Amino acid sequence: MSRSKLLRSIFNFFSAGMLVLVNSCGQVAVFEKNTPIPSYKWSGSFAAEGTFEIKDTLASYNLYLVLRHTDAYDKNNIWLNVGLQSPGDSLFFQKVDLTLGNDATGWEGTGMNDIWEVRKPLALNKRFKKNGEYHFRIFHIMREDPLNEIMSAGLRVEKAH
């Protein structure tokens, strides 16, 4: 890896960390996991995935998709296949068209230098019927494969207030 690429990778890592710190002020997440995309080239067979635990089935939760991309991403949206598996059930997938920006107003979300993070609601005030471990998987379903300039994808779960 060249020195300039190494410096860019280090800078991007710290910039992404700052985005998390800035965005994490306020509501406390029950869970958040963002999976880094290797070399910013998201293969259609690579899944961002994780497991979170729900203990309180009486509470309502907000689920957010979290996506980080560089300014060099050349599309205004991304199509995702998002799967959620309840304890003891099979994985249920939902197709999601996530808008990232438009030509008139630019990128949505929070930006720092050439890194952008967008957090979009997947489900608001959702109540989970079962307590236990839930598993999620996120794939991109775009025609272009690999999909360049996507840095990470993940899920954030917060208790609704």
C-alpha atoms as a PDB file:
ATOM      1  CA  MET A   1       0.000   0.000   0.000  1.00  0.00           C
ATOM      2  CA  SER A   2       1.424   3.384  -0.936  1.00  0.00           C
ATOM      3  CA  ARG A   3       2.090   6.020   1.699  1.00  0.00           C
ATOM      4  CA  SER A   4      -0.716   8.284   0.399  1.00  0.00           C
ATOM      5  CA  LYS A   5      -3.253   5.428   0.479  1.00  0.00           C
ATOM      6  CA  LEU A   6      -2.158   4.505   3.998  1.00  0.00           C
ATOM      7  CA  LEU A   7      -2.516   8.115   5.160  1.00  0.00           C
ATOM      8  CA  ARG A   8      -5.944   8.359   3.500  1.00  0.00           C
ATOM      9  CA  SER A   9      -7.059   5.124   5.190  1.00  0.00           C
ATOM     10  CA  ILE A  10      -5.891   6.382   8.595  1.00  0.00           C
ATOM     11  CA  PHE A  11      -7.572   9.754   8.025  1.00  0.00           C
ATOM     12  CA  ASN A  12     -10.817   8.074   6.908  1.00  0.00           C
ATOM     13  CA  PHE A  13     -10.775   5.817   9.968  1.00  0.00           C
ATOM     14  CA  PHE A  14     -10.465   8.769  12.346  1.00  0.00           C
ATOM     15  CA  SER A  15     -13.003  10.823  10.375  1.00  0.00           C
ATOM     16  CA  ALA A  16     -15.512   7.975  10.566  1.00  0.00           C
ATOM     17  CA  GLY A  17     -14.888   7.776  14.315  1.00  0.00           C
ATOM     18  CA  MET A  18     -15.597  11.493  14.635  1.00  0.00           C
ATOM     19  CA  LEU A  19     -18.858  11.037  12.702  1.00  0.00           C
ATOM     20  CA  VAL A  20     -19.906   8.374  15.187  1.00  0.00           C
ATOM     21  CA  LEU A  21     -19.051  10.630  18.131  1.00  0.00           C
ATOM     22  CA  VAL A  22     -20.925  13.604  16.680  1.00  0.00           C
ATOM     23  CA  ASN A  23     -23.981  11.516  15.793  1.00  0.00           C
ATOM     24  CA  SER A  24     -24.049   9.571  19.046  1.00  0.00           C
ATOM     25  CA  CYS A  25     -24.857  12.607  21.184  1.00  0.00           C
ATOM     26  CA  GLY A  26     -28.416  12.466  22.445  1.00  0.00           C
ATOM     27  CA  GLN A  27     -30.291   9.196  22.372  1.00  0.00           C
ATOM     28  CA  VAL A  28     -28.414   6.118  23.591  1.00  0.00           C
ATOM     29  CA  ALA A  29     -28.418   3.124  21.273  1.00  0.00           C
ATOM     30  CA  VAL A  30     -29.421  -0.276  22.541  1.00  0.00           C
ATOM     31  CA  PHE A  31     -27.247  -1.610  19.733  1.00  0.00           C
ATOM     32  CA  GLU A  32     -25.237  -0.371  16.769  1.00  0.00           C
ATOM     33  CA  LYS A  33     -22.968  -2.353  14.515  1.00  0.00           C
ATOM     34  CA  ASN A  34     -21.392  -1.080  11.316  1.00  0.00           C
ATOM     35  CA  THR A  35     -19.510  -3.568   9.159  1.00  0.00           C
ATOM     36  CA  PRO A  36     -16.547  -2.140   7.230  1.00  0.00           C
ATOM     37  CA  ILE A  37     -16.607  -2.876   3.501  1.00  0.00           C
ATOM     38  CA  PRO A  38     -13.201  -4.233   2.388  1.00  0.00           C
ATOM     39  CA  SER A  39     -11.345  -1.725   0.174  1.00  0.00           C
ATOM     40  CA  TYR A  40     -14.632   0.232  -0.208  1.00  0.00           C
ATOM     41  CA  LYS A  41     -15.752  -2.295  -2.843  1.00  0.00           C
ATOM     42  CA  TRP A  42     -19.003  -3.942  -1.716  1.00  0.00           C
ATOM     43  CA  SER A  43     -19.466  -7.305  -3.371  1.00  0.00           C
ATOM     44  CA  GLY A  44     -23.067  -8.488  -3.724  1.00  0.00           C
ATOM     45  CA  SER A  45     -22.151 -11.655  -1.827  1.00  0.00           C
ATOM     46  CA  PHE A  46     -20.717  -9.764   1.178  1.00  0.00           C
ATOM     47  CA  ALA A  47     -23.156  -9.147   4.030  1.00  0.00           C
ATOM     48  CA  ALA A  48     -23.072  -6.618   6.820  1.00  0.00           C
ATOM     49  CA  GLU A  49     -24.448  -8.641   9.699  1.00  0.00           C
ATOM     50  CA  GLY A  50     -24.748  -8.846  13.440  1.00  0.00           C
ATOM     51  CA  THR A  51     -26.772  -9.957  16.427  1.00  0.00           C
ATOM     52  CA  PHE A  52     -28.509  -7.844  19.057  1.00  0.00           C
ATOM     53  CA  GLU A  53     -30.503  -8.760  22.124  1.00  0.00           C
ATOM     54  CA  ILE A  54     -33.979  -7.577  23.062  1.00  0.00           C
ATOM     55  CA  LYS A  55     -34.831  -7.948  26.741  1.00  0.00           C
ATOM     56  CA  ASP A  56     -37.843  -5.616  27.015  1.00  0.00           C
ATOM     57  CA  THR A  57     -40.767  -6.657  24.785  1.00  0.00           C
ATOM     58  CA  LEU A  58     -43.012  -3.946  26.240  1.00  0.00           C
ATOM     59  CA  ALA A  59     -40.789  -1.128  24.939  1.00  0.00           C
ATOM     60  CA  SER A  60     -40.894   0.328  21.434  1.00  0.00           C
ATOM     61  CA  TYR A  61     -37.724   0.562  19.359  1.00  0.00           C
ATOM     62  CA  ASN A  62     -36.510   2.544  16.372  1.00  0.00           C
ATOM     63  CA  LEU A  63     -34.373   0.706  13.817  1.00  0.00           C
ATOM     64  CA  TYR A  64     -32.078   2.649  11.501  1.00  0.00           C
ATOM     65  CA  LEU A  65     -29.958   1.657   8.536  1.00  0.00           C
ATOM     66  CA  VAL A  66     -26.534   3.282   8.788  1.00  0.00           C
ATOM     67  CA  LEU A  67     -24.443   3.664   5.654  1.00  0.00           C
ATOM     68  CA  ARG A  68     -21.106   5.405   5.141  1.00  0.00           C
ATOM     69  CA  HIS A  69     -19.811   6.268   1.695  1.00  0.00           C
ATOM     70  CA  THR A  70     -17.211   8.515   0.151  1.00  0.00           C
ATOM     71  CA  ASP A  71     -17.932  11.617  -1.864  1.00  0.00           C
ATOM     72  CA  ALA A  72     -16.829   9.638  -4.935  1.00  0.00           C
ATOM     73  CA  TYR A  73     -19.910   7.357  -4.802  1.00  0.00           C
ATOM     74  CA  ASP A  74     -21.541   8.049  -8.172  1.00  0.00           C
ATOM     75  CA  LYS A  75     -25.207   7.281  -7.463  1.00  0.00           C
ATOM     76  CA  ASN A  76     -27.980   9.062  -5.551  1.00  0.00           C
ATOM     77  CA  ASN A  77     -29.322   5.896  -3.929  1.00  0.00           C
ATOM     78  CA  ILE A  78     -28.598   2.297  -3.054  1.00  0.00           C
ATOM     79  CA  TRP A  79     -30.900  -0.736  -3.092  1.00  0.00           C
ATOM     80  CA  LEU A  80     -30.482  -3.034  -0.111  1.00  0.00           C
ATOM     81  CA  ASN A  81     -31.872  -6.386   0.937  1.00  0.00           C
ATOM     82  CA  VAL A  82     -32.261  -6.188   4.729  1.00  0.00           C
ATOM     83  CA  GLY A  83     -32.965  -9.352   6.692  1.00  0.00           C
ATOM     84  CA  LEU A  84     -34.125  -9.652  10.291  1.00  0.00           C
ATOM     85  CA  GLN A  85     -34.440 -12.933  12.145  1.00  0.00           C
ATOM     86  CA  SER A  86     -36.429 -13.260  15.376  1.00  0.00           C
ATOM     87  CA  PRO A  87     -35.434 -15.908  17.943  1.00  0.00           C
ATOM     88  CA  GLY A  88     -36.581 -19.297  16.646  1.00  0.00           C
ATOM     89  CA  ASP A  89     -37.821 -17.928  13.296  1.00  0.00           C
ATOM     90  CA  SER A  90     -36.387 -17.797   9.788  1.00  0.00           C
ATOM     91  CA  LEU A  91     -34.699 -14.753   8.270  1.00  0.00           C
ATOM     92  CA  PHE A  92     -37.238 -12.327   6.727  1.00  0.00           C
ATOM     93  CA  PHE A  93     -35.893 -10.018   3.980  1.00  0.00           C
ATOM     94  CA  GLN A  94     -37.171  -6.601   2.933  1.00  0.00           C
ATOM     95  CA  LYS A  95     -35.974  -4.622  -0.114  1.00  0.00           C
ATOM     96  CA  VAL A  96     -35.090  -1.028   0.718  1.00  0.00           C
ATOM     97  CA  ASP A  97     -34.335   1.855  -1.664  1.00  0.00           C
ATOM     98  CA  LEU A  98     -32.120   4.112   0.419  1.00  0.00           C
ATOM     99  CA  THR A  99     -31.850   7.683  -0.912  1.00  0.00           C
ATOM    100  CA  LEU A 100     -28.398   9.118  -0.299  1.00  0.00           C
ATOM    101  CA  GLY A 101     -28.757  12.483  -2.006  1.00  0.00           C
ATOM    102  CA  ASN A 102     -29.830  14.313  -5.128  1.00  0.00           C
ATOM    103  CA  ASP A 103     -28.290  16.604  -7.717  1.00  0.00           C
ATOM    104  CA  ALA A 104     -30.073  19.735  -6.439  1.00  0.00           C
ATOM    105  CA  THR A 105     -29.139  19.590  -2.739  1.00  0.00           C
ATOM    106  CA  GLY A 106     -26.223  17.150  -2.629  1.00  0.00           C
ATOM    107  CA  TRP A 107     -25.634  14.362  -0.126  1.00  0.00           C
ATOM    108  CA  GLU A 108     -27.996  13.648   2.757  1.00  0.00           C
ATOM    109  CA  GLY A 109     -26.691  12.858   6.216  1.00  0.00           C
ATOM    110  CA  THR A 110     -23.594  14.064   7.971  1.00  0.00           C
ATOM    111  CA  GLY A 111     -20.398  14.781   6.098  1.00  0.00           C
ATOM    112  CA  MET A 112     -16.832  15.345   7.102  1.00  0.00           C
ATOM    113  CA  ASN A 113     -14.368  15.986   4.291  1.00  0.00           C
ATOM    114  CA  ASP A 114     -15.100  13.266   1.716  1.00  0.00           C
ATOM    115  CA  ILE A 115     -16.956  10.868   4.077  1.00  0.00           C
ATOM    116  CA  TRP A 116     -20.742  10.843   4.384  1.00  0.00           C
ATOM    117  CA  GLU A 117     -22.900   8.980   6.867  1.00  0.00           C
ATOM    118  CA  VAL A 118     -26.629   8.592   6.395  1.00  0.00           C
ATOM    119  CA  ARG A 119     -28.929   7.127   9.025  1.00  0.00           C
ATOM    120  CA  LYS A 120     -32.388   6.287   7.702  1.00  0.00           C
ATOM    121  CA  PRO A 121     -35.330   4.835   9.630  1.00  0.00           C
ATOM    122  CA  LEU A 122     -36.111   1.241   8.777  1.00  0.00           C
ATOM    123  CA  ALA A 123     -38.863   0.845  11.398  1.00  0.00           C
ATOM    124  CA  LEU A 124     -40.109   3.359  13.986  1.00  0.00           C
ATOM    125  CA  ASN A 125     -41.854   2.442  17.236  1.00  0.00           C
ATOM    126  CA  LYS A 126     -41.413  -1.261  16.533  1.00  0.00           C
ATOM    127  CA  ARG A 127     -42.290  -3.698  19.280  1.00  0.00           C
ATOM    128  CA  PHE A 128     -40.514  -7.021  19.338  1.00  0.00           C
ATOM    129  CA  LYS A 129     -42.764  -9.946  20.264  1.00  0.00           C
ATOM    130  CA  LYS A 130     -39.990 -12.169  21.639  1.00  0.00           C
ATOM    131  CA  ASN A 131     -37.097 -11.439  23.902  1.00  0.00           C
ATOM    132  CA  GLY A 132     -33.770 -12.924  22.933  1.00  0.00           C
ATOM    133  CA  GLU A 133     -31.208 -12.611  20.175  1.00  0.00           C
ATOM    134  CA  TYR A 134     -32.139 -11.108  16.806  1.00  0.00           C
ATOM    135  CA  HIS A 135     -29.900 -11.495  13.782  1.00  0.00           C
ATOM    136  CA  PHE A 136     -29.659  -9.059  10.845  1.00  0.00           C
ATOM    137  CA  ARG A 137     -28.031  -9.261   7.395  1.00  0.00           C
ATOM    138  CA  ILE A 138     -27.674  -6.466   4.850  1.00  0.00           C
ATOM    139  CA  PHE A 139     -26.724  -7.039   1.197  1.00  0.00           C
ATOM    140  CA  HIS A 140     -26.658  -4.544  -1.636  1.00  0.00           C
ATOM    141  CA  ILE A 141     -28.768  -5.518  -4.651  1.00  0.00           C
ATOM    142  CA  MET A 142     -27.472  -3.001  -7.173  1.00  0.00           C
ATOM    143  CA  ARG A 143     -26.628  -3.974 -10.761  1.00  0.00           C
ATOM    144  CA  GLU A 144     -23.038  -2.812 -10.340  1.00  0.00           C
ATOM    145  CA  ASP A 145     -20.974  -5.437  -8.527  1.00  0.00           C
ATOM    146  CA  PRO A 146     -18.786  -4.683  -6.730  1.00  0.00           C
ATOM    147  CA  LEU A 147     -20.285  -1.390  -5.635  1.00  0.00           C
ATOM    148  CA  ASN A 148     -17.451   1.115  -5.192  1.00  0.00           C
ATOM    149  CA  GLU A 149     -16.980   3.804  -2.532  1.00  0.00           C
ATOM    150  CA  ILE A 150     -19.233   2.263   0.148  1.00  0.00           C
ATOM    151  CA  MET A 151     -17.271   2.293   3.402  1.00  0.00           C
ATOM    152  CA  SER A 152     -19.607   0.506   5.818  1.00  0.00           C
ATOM    153  CA  ALA A 153     -23.179  -0.615   6.378  1.00  0.00           C
ATOM    154  CA  GLY A 154     -24.978  -1.444   9.567  1.00  0.00           C
ATOM    155  CA  LEU A 155     -27.948  -1.297  11.863  1.00  0.00           C
ATOM    156  CA  ARG A 156     -28.750   0.889  14.862  1.00  0.00           C
ATOM    157  CA  VAL A 157     -31.462   0.004  17.396  1.00  0.00           C
ATOM    158  CA  GLU A 158     -32.683   2.632  19.883  1.00  0.00           C
ATOM    159  CA  LYS A 159     -35.437   2.599  22.459  1.00  0.00           C
ATOM    160  CA  ALA A 160     -38.185   4.931  21.252  1.00  0.00           C
ATOM    161  CA  HIS A 161     -39.221   7.743  23.571  1.00  0.00           C
END
